Amino acid sequence: MAYSGKWETETQEGYDDFCKLLGIPADVMEKGRDYKLVTEVVQNGDEFSWTQHYPANHSVTNKFVIGKECDMETIGGKKFKATVTMEGEKLRTQFPNYNHIVEISGGKLIETSTAISAKGPVVLIRTSKKI
């Protein structure tokens, strides 16, 4: 179960542009810019529990089964339906405003979120180490 464990953010590329495109307020962006987000994953075959721990003791947990529609929630509390798919070793989810791909590469958890602006794609890449 490659994804299982606790992961802590090491780097974020494209954070400001991505957050601005999604309309995240400047004060929230500031708090999250250098925050060491902890992602806790429990994987049991195709079943996942994916929890992200944010500043101010706020956590969001999404539970899903690969290939089955489920209820999910964004950090902002927006609820939506999505189907997480696995393509090779990559998990793919279509959030309301962006596409999210997660993979393990070089022992790191790599999350790539891509949103489309009028000027083209805006990409956030978050790299986390296992703790």
N, C-alpha and C. Protein backbone atom coordinates (compact mmCIF):
# COMPACT_ATOMS: atom_id res chain seq x y z
N MET A 1 0.85 -1.18 0.00
CA MET A 1 0.00 0.00 0.00
C MET A 1 0.89 1.24 0.00
N ALA A 2 1.32 1.62 -1.17
CA ALA A 2 2.32 2.67 -1.33
C ALA A 2 1.91 4.02 -0.74
N TYR A 3 0.62 4.35 -0.76
CA TYR A 3 0.19 5.66 -0.32
C TYR A 3 0.04 5.77 1.20
N SER A 4 -0.14 4.65 1.88
CA SER A 4 -0.40 4.66 3.32
C SER A 4 0.72 5.35 4.09
N GLY A 5 0.34 6.13 5.08
CA GLY A 5 1.29 6.80 5.96
C GLY A 5 0.97 8.26 6.14
N LYS A 6 1.87 8.95 6.84
CA LYS A 6 1.75 10.40 7.05
C LYS A 6 2.81 11.08 6.20
N TRP A 7 2.39 12.15 5.54
CA TRP A 7 3.25 12.89 4.61
C TRP A 7 3.22 14.36 5.01
N GLU A 8 4.38 15.02 4.97
CA GLU A 8 4.47 16.43 5.32
C GLU A 8 5.04 17.22 4.15
N THR A 9 4.41 18.36 3.85
CA THR A 9 4.83 19.20 2.73
C THR A 9 6.30 19.61 2.86
N GLU A 10 7.03 19.42 1.77
CA GLU A 10 8.40 19.92 1.66
C GLU A 10 8.46 21.17 0.78
N THR A 11 7.83 21.10 -0.39
CA THR A 11 7.85 22.22 -1.32
C THR A 11 6.50 22.39 -1.99
N GLN A 12 6.24 23.62 -2.44
CA GLN A 12 5.05 23.93 -3.23
C GLN A 12 5.50 24.86 -4.36
N GLU A 13 5.20 24.49 -5.58
CA GLU A 13 5.51 25.31 -6.74
C GLU A 13 4.21 25.80 -7.35
N GLY A 14 4.12 27.09 -7.62
CA GLY A 14 2.93 27.66 -8.25
C GLY A 14 1.81 27.96 -7.28
N TYR A 15 2.11 27.97 -5.99
CA TYR A 15 1.09 28.13 -4.94
C TYR A 15 0.29 29.42 -5.10
N ASP A 16 0.98 30.57 -5.18
CA ASP A 16 0.28 31.85 -5.22
C ASP A 16 -0.64 31.98 -6.44
N ASP A 17 -0.12 31.67 -7.62
CA ASP A 17 -0.94 31.80 -8.84
C ASP A 17 -2.15 30.87 -8.79
N PHE A 18 -1.95 29.65 -8.30
CA PHE A 18 -3.05 28.68 -8.22
C PHE A 18 -4.13 29.16 -7.25
N CYS A 19 -3.71 29.60 -6.06
CA CYS A 19 -4.68 30.07 -5.06
C CYS A 19 -5.44 31.30 -5.55
N LYS A 20 -4.73 32.23 -6.20
CA LYS A 20 -5.39 33.43 -6.73
C LYS A 20 -6.45 33.05 -7.76
N LEU A 21 -6.11 32.11 -8.64
CA LEU A 21 -7.07 31.69 -9.67
C LEU A 21 -8.32 31.08 -9.04
N LEU A 22 -8.16 30.35 -7.94
CA LEU A 22 -9.30 29.74 -7.27
C LEU A 22 -10.06 30.71 -6.37
N GLY A 23 -9.55 31.95 -6.24
CA GLY A 23 -10.25 32.96 -5.44
C GLY A 23 -10.03 32.83 -3.96
N ILE A 24 -8.93 32.23 -3.54
CA ILE A 24 -8.64 32.08 -2.11
C ILE A 24 -8.19 33.44 -1.58
N PRO A 25 -8.78 33.90 -0.47
CA PRO A 25 -8.44 35.22 0.08
C PRO A 25 -6.95 35.32 0.45
N ALA A 26 -6.41 36.54 0.34
CA ALA A 26 -4.98 36.78 0.58
C ALA A 26 -4.55 36.34 1.98
N ASP A 27 -5.39 36.57 3.00
CA ASP A 27 -4.99 36.19 4.36
C ASP A 27 -4.91 34.67 4.51
N VAL A 28 -5.78 33.95 3.84
CA VAL A 28 -5.75 32.48 3.88
C VAL A 28 -4.54 31.98 3.11
N MET A 29 -4.25 32.60 1.97
CA MET A 29 -3.06 32.23 1.20
C MET A 29 -1.80 32.42 2.03
N GLU A 30 -1.73 33.53 2.74
CA GLU A 30 -0.54 33.82 3.56
C GLU A 30 -0.32 32.75 4.62
N LYS A 31 -1.39 32.33 5.28
CA LYS A 31 -1.29 31.30 6.32
C LYS A 31 -0.81 29.97 5.74
N GLY A 32 -1.25 29.65 4.53
CA GLY A 32 -0.94 28.36 3.94
C GLY A 32 0.36 28.29 3.17
N ARG A 33 0.93 29.45 2.84
CA ARG A 33 2.11 29.49 1.98
C ARG A 33 3.27 28.66 2.53
N ASP A 34 3.60 28.81 3.79
CA ASP A 34 4.73 28.10 4.37
C ASP A 34 4.31 27.02 5.36
N TYR A 35 3.01 26.75 5.42
CA TYR A 35 2.50 25.76 6.35
C TYR A 35 2.90 24.35 5.90
N LYS A 36 3.34 23.56 6.84
CA LYS A 36 3.73 22.18 6.55
C LYS A 36 2.49 21.29 6.68
N LEU A 37 1.71 21.26 5.60
CA LEU A 37 0.49 20.46 5.54
C LEU A 37 0.83 18.99 5.78
N VAL A 38 0.06 18.35 6.65
CA VAL A 38 0.25 16.92 6.89
C VAL A 38 -0.92 16.18 6.25
N THR A 39 -0.58 15.24 5.40
CA THR A 39 -1.56 14.40 4.73
C THR A 39 -1.43 13.00 5.30
N GLU A 40 -2.55 12.47 5.77
CA GLU A 40 -2.56 11.12 6.36
C GLU A 40 -3.41 10.22 5.47
N VAL A 41 -2.80 9.15 4.99
CA VAL A 41 -3.48 8.25 4.06
C VAL A 41 -3.54 6.85 4.64
N VAL A 42 -4.73 6.27 4.61
CA VAL A 42 -4.90 4.87 4.95
C VAL A 42 -5.44 4.20 3.68
N GLN A 43 -4.67 3.26 3.16
CA GLN A 43 -5.05 2.56 1.94
C GLN A 43 -5.24 1.09 2.26
N ASN A 44 -6.38 0.55 1.85
CA ASN A 44 -6.67 -0.87 2.00
C ASN A 44 -7.15 -1.35 0.63
N GLY A 45 -6.21 -1.80 -0.20
CA GLY A 45 -6.55 -2.17 -1.57
C GLY A 45 -7.01 -0.96 -2.34
N ASP A 46 -8.25 -0.98 -2.84
CA ASP A 46 -8.80 0.15 -3.59
C ASP A 46 -9.55 1.15 -2.71
N GLU A 47 -9.59 0.91 -1.40
CA GLU A 47 -10.28 1.81 -0.47
C GLU A 47 -9.26 2.75 0.18
N PHE A 48 -9.62 4.05 0.23
CA PHE A 48 -8.74 5.05 0.79
C PHE A 48 -9.48 5.93 1.79
N SER A 49 -8.76 6.34 2.82
CA SER A 49 -9.18 7.43 3.70
C SER A 49 -8.05 8.45 3.60
N TRP A 50 -8.36 9.66 3.15
CA TRP A 50 -7.36 10.67 2.83
C TRP A 50 -7.67 11.92 3.66
N THR A 51 -6.84 12.20 4.67
CA THR A 51 -7.07 13.33 5.57
C THR A 51 -5.95 14.34 5.40
N GLN A 52 -6.34 15.61 5.26
CA GLN A 52 -5.35 16.68 5.22
C GLN A 52 -5.58 17.58 6.43
N HIS A 53 -4.50 17.83 7.17
CA HIS A 53 -4.53 18.64 8.38
C HIS A 53 -4.00 20.03 8.05
N TYR A 54 -4.88 21.03 8.18
CA TYR A 54 -4.58 22.41 7.82
C TYR A 54 -4.34 23.25 9.07
N PRO A 55 -3.92 24.53 8.89
CA PRO A 55 -3.73 25.41 10.05
C PRO A 55 -5.00 25.54 10.88
N ALA A 56 -4.83 25.95 12.11
CA ALA A 56 -5.93 26.18 13.06
C ALA A 56 -6.71 24.89 13.34
N ASN A 57 -6.02 23.77 13.36
CA ASN A 57 -6.62 22.47 13.69
C ASN A 57 -7.81 22.10 12.80
N HIS A 58 -7.78 22.53 11.56
CA HIS A 58 -8.84 22.19 10.61
C HIS A 58 -8.38 20.99 9.77
N SER A 59 -9.22 19.99 9.68
CA SER A 59 -8.90 18.79 8.88
C SER A 59 -10.06 18.49 7.94
N VAL A 60 -9.71 17.93 6.79
CA VAL A 60 -10.72 17.45 5.84
C VAL A 60 -10.37 16.01 5.51
N THR A 61 -11.36 15.12 5.66
CA THR A 61 -11.17 13.70 5.34
C THR A 61 -12.11 13.32 4.21
N ASN A 62 -11.54 12.71 3.18
CA ASN A 62 -12.33 12.16 2.08
C ASN A 62 -12.07 10.67 2.03
N LYS A 63 -13.14 9.90 1.94
CA LYS A 63 -13.03 8.44 1.81
C LYS A 63 -13.56 8.06 0.44
N PHE A 64 -12.81 7.18 -0.23
CA PHE A 64 -13.22 6.81 -1.57
C PHE A 64 -12.72 5.42 -1.91
N VAL A 65 -13.38 4.84 -2.92
CA VAL A 65 -12.99 3.56 -3.50
C VAL A 65 -12.69 3.85 -4.96
N ILE A 66 -11.54 3.38 -5.43
CA ILE A 66 -11.13 3.60 -6.81
C ILE A 66 -12.24 3.15 -7.77
N GLY A 67 -12.61 4.06 -8.68
CA GLY A 67 -13.59 3.74 -9.71
C GLY A 67 -15.04 3.86 -9.31
N LYS A 68 -15.31 4.27 -8.04
CA LYS A 68 -16.70 4.42 -7.59
C LYS A 68 -16.95 5.87 -7.20
N GLU A 69 -18.11 6.39 -7.63
CA GLU A 69 -18.47 7.76 -7.28
C GLU A 69 -18.62 7.88 -5.76
N CYS A 70 -18.14 9.00 -5.22
CA CYS A 70 -18.23 9.22 -3.78
C CYS A 70 -18.49 10.70 -3.50
N ASP A 71 -18.86 10.97 -2.25
CA ASP A 71 -19.01 12.35 -1.81
C ASP A 71 -17.66 12.84 -1.31
N MET A 72 -17.26 14.03 -1.76
CA MET A 72 -15.99 14.61 -1.34
C MET A 72 -16.23 16.03 -0.88
N GLU A 73 -15.19 16.60 -0.23
CA GLU A 73 -15.28 17.96 0.29
C GLU A 73 -13.95 18.67 0.03
N THR A 74 -14.04 19.96 -0.30
CA THR A 74 -12.84 20.78 -0.50
C THR A 74 -12.45 21.41 0.84
N ILE A 75 -11.27 22.02 0.89
CA ILE A 75 -10.83 22.74 2.09
C ILE A 75 -11.82 23.83 2.46
N GLY A 76 -12.47 24.42 1.47
CA GLY A 76 -13.44 25.49 1.73
C GLY A 76 -14.80 24.98 2.16
N GLY A 77 -14.96 23.66 2.28
CA GLY A 77 -16.22 23.09 2.73
C GLY A 77 -17.19 22.77 1.62
N LYS A 78 -16.81 23.01 0.36
CA LYS A 78 -17.69 22.72 -0.76
C LYS A 78 -17.77 21.21 -0.95
N LYS A 79 -18.99 20.70 -1.00
CA LYS A 79 -19.20 19.27 -1.20
C LYS A 79 -19.50 19.00 -2.67
N PHE A 80 -18.98 17.90 -3.17
CA PHE A 80 -19.20 17.54 -4.56
C PHE A 80 -19.06 16.04 -4.72
N LYS A 81 -19.51 15.54 -5.85
CA LYS A 81 -19.38 14.11 -6.16
C LYS A 81 -18.23 13.95 -7.14
N ALA A 82 -17.45 12.90 -6.93
CA ALA A 82 -16.31 12.64 -7.81
C ALA A 82 -16.02 11.16 -7.84
N THR A 83 -15.32 10.75 -8.87
CA THR A 83 -14.84 9.38 -8.99
C THR A 83 -13.32 9.45 -9.11
N VAL A 84 -12.63 8.84 -8.15
CA VAL A 84 -11.18 8.78 -8.20
C VAL A 84 -10.80 7.58 -9.05
N THR A 85 -9.94 7.83 -10.03
CA THR A 85 -9.48 6.74 -10.88
C THR A 85 -7.99 6.51 -10.67
N MET A 86 -7.53 5.32 -11.03
CA MET A 86 -6.11 5.03 -10.96
C MET A 86 -5.63 4.73 -12.36
N GLU A 87 -4.64 5.50 -12.79
CA GLU A 87 -4.05 5.31 -14.11
C GLU A 87 -2.60 4.93 -13.88
N GLY A 88 -2.28 3.65 -14.04
CA GLY A 88 -0.97 3.16 -13.64
C GLY A 88 -0.89 3.23 -12.13
N GLU A 89 0.04 3.99 -11.62
CA GLU A 89 0.18 4.19 -10.18
C GLU A 89 -0.30 5.57 -9.73
N LYS A 90 -0.93 6.33 -10.64
CA LYS A 90 -1.37 7.69 -10.34
C LYS A 90 -2.86 7.71 -10.01
N LEU A 91 -3.21 8.46 -8.95
CA LEU A 91 -4.61 8.70 -8.62
C LEU A 91 -5.04 10.00 -9.29
N ARG A 92 -6.22 10.00 -9.90
CA ARG A 92 -6.72 11.20 -10.59
C ARG A 92 -8.13 11.50 -10.08
N THR A 93 -8.34 12.79 -9.75
CA THR A 93 -9.65 13.25 -9.29
C THR A 93 -9.96 14.58 -9.97
N GLN A 94 -11.19 14.74 -10.44
CA GLN A 94 -11.63 16.01 -11.00
C GLN A 94 -12.37 16.77 -9.90
N PHE A 95 -11.73 17.80 -9.34
CA PHE A 95 -12.37 18.67 -8.37
C PHE A 95 -13.22 19.68 -9.15
N PRO A 96 -14.08 20.47 -8.47
CA PRO A 96 -14.94 21.39 -9.20
C PRO A 96 -14.18 22.38 -10.10
N ASN A 97 -13.01 22.87 -9.67
CA ASN A 97 -12.30 23.89 -10.44
C ASN A 97 -10.95 23.46 -10.98
N TYR A 98 -10.56 22.22 -10.73
CA TYR A 98 -9.25 21.78 -11.17
C TYR A 98 -9.13 20.26 -11.19
N ASN A 99 -8.13 19.79 -11.91
CA ASN A 99 -7.81 18.37 -12.00
C ASN A 99 -6.66 18.09 -11.03
N HIS A 100 -6.74 16.98 -10.29
CA HIS A 100 -5.76 16.67 -9.25
C HIS A 100 -5.18 15.28 -9.52
N ILE A 101 -3.85 15.19 -9.62
CA ILE A 101 -3.18 13.92 -9.83
C ILE A 101 -2.18 13.71 -8.69
N VAL A 102 -2.17 12.50 -8.13
CA VAL A 102 -1.27 12.16 -7.03
C VAL A 102 -0.48 10.92 -7.41
N GLU A 103 0.82 10.95 -7.09
CA GLU A 103 1.66 9.79 -7.34
C GLU A 103 2.77 9.73 -6.31
N ILE A 104 3.37 8.56 -6.17
CA ILE A 104 4.56 8.38 -5.36
C ILE A 104 5.72 8.31 -6.35
N SER A 105 6.72 9.18 -6.14
CA SER A 105 7.88 9.20 -7.03
C SER A 105 9.11 9.49 -6.19
N GLY A 106 10.10 8.61 -6.27
CA GLY A 106 11.32 8.79 -5.50
C GLY A 106 11.08 8.82 -4.01
N GLY A 107 10.07 8.07 -3.54
CA GLY A 107 9.75 8.04 -2.12
C GLY A 107 8.98 9.25 -1.63
N LYS A 108 8.57 10.13 -2.53
CA LYS A 108 7.83 11.36 -2.18
C LYS A 108 6.40 11.26 -2.70
N LEU A 109 5.49 11.94 -2.00
CA LEU A 109 4.10 12.07 -2.45
C LEU A 109 4.05 13.35 -3.27
N ILE A 110 3.72 13.23 -4.55
CA ILE A 110 3.67 14.37 -5.46
C ILE A 110 2.22 14.61 -5.85
N GLU A 111 1.72 15.82 -5.53
CA GLU A 111 0.35 16.21 -5.89
C GLU A 111 0.43 17.32 -6.93
N THR A 112 -0.19 17.10 -8.06
CA THR A 112 -0.20 18.09 -9.13
C THR A 112 -1.64 18.50 -9.40
N SER A 113 -1.94 19.76 -9.15
CA SER A 113 -3.28 20.31 -9.39
C SER A 113 -3.20 21.28 -10.55
N THR A 114 -4.09 21.11 -11.54
CA THR A 114 -4.08 21.96 -12.72
C THR A 114 -5.45 22.59 -12.92
N ALA A 115 -5.46 23.92 -12.94
CA ALA A 115 -6.68 24.68 -13.24
C ALA A 115 -6.44 25.43 -14.54
N ILE A 116 -7.50 25.76 -15.22
CA ILE A 116 -7.38 26.46 -16.50
C ILE A 116 -7.84 27.91 -16.32
N SER A 117 -6.97 28.84 -16.69
CA SER A 117 -7.31 30.26 -16.66
C SER A 117 -7.48 30.74 -18.10
N ALA A 118 -7.83 32.00 -18.25
CA ALA A 118 -7.96 32.58 -19.59
C ALA A 118 -6.62 32.57 -20.32
N LYS A 119 -5.53 32.55 -19.56
CA LYS A 119 -4.19 32.55 -20.15
C LYS A 119 -3.61 31.15 -20.31
N GLY A 120 -4.37 30.14 -19.92
CA GLY A 120 -3.89 28.76 -20.03
C GLY A 120 -3.81 28.08 -18.67
N PRO A 121 -3.12 26.92 -18.62
CA PRO A 121 -3.07 26.15 -17.37
C PRO A 121 -2.28 26.85 -16.26
N VAL A 122 -2.78 26.70 -15.03
CA VAL A 122 -2.08 27.15 -13.83
C VAL A 122 -1.89 25.91 -12.98
N VAL A 123 -0.63 25.63 -12.61
CA VAL A 123 -0.30 24.36 -11.97
C VAL A 123 0.30 24.59 -10.58
N LEU A 124 -0.19 23.82 -9.63
CA LEU A 124 0.37 23.75 -8.29
C LEU A 124 0.96 22.36 -8.12
N ILE A 125 2.24 22.30 -7.75
CA ILE A 125 2.88 21.01 -7.46
C ILE A 125 3.33 21.03 -6.01
N ARG A 126 2.76 20.11 -5.22
CA ARG A 126 3.12 19.98 -3.81
C ARG A 126 3.86 18.67 -3.64
N THR A 127 5.06 18.75 -3.07
CA THR A 127 5.87 17.57 -2.81
C THR A 127 5.95 17.36 -1.30
N SER A 128 5.66 16.13 -0.85
CA SER A 128 5.67 15.82 0.58
C SER A 128 6.56 14.62 0.86
N LYS A 129 7.18 14.65 2.04
CA LYS A 129 8.03 13.54 2.49
C LYS A 129 7.26 12.73 3.52
N LYS A 130 7.62 11.45 3.62
CA LYS A 130 6.98 10.58 4.60
C LYS A 130 7.55 10.88 5.98
N ILE A 131 6.66 10.98 6.96
CA ILE A 131 7.11 11.25 8.33
C ILE A 131 6.70 10.12 9.26
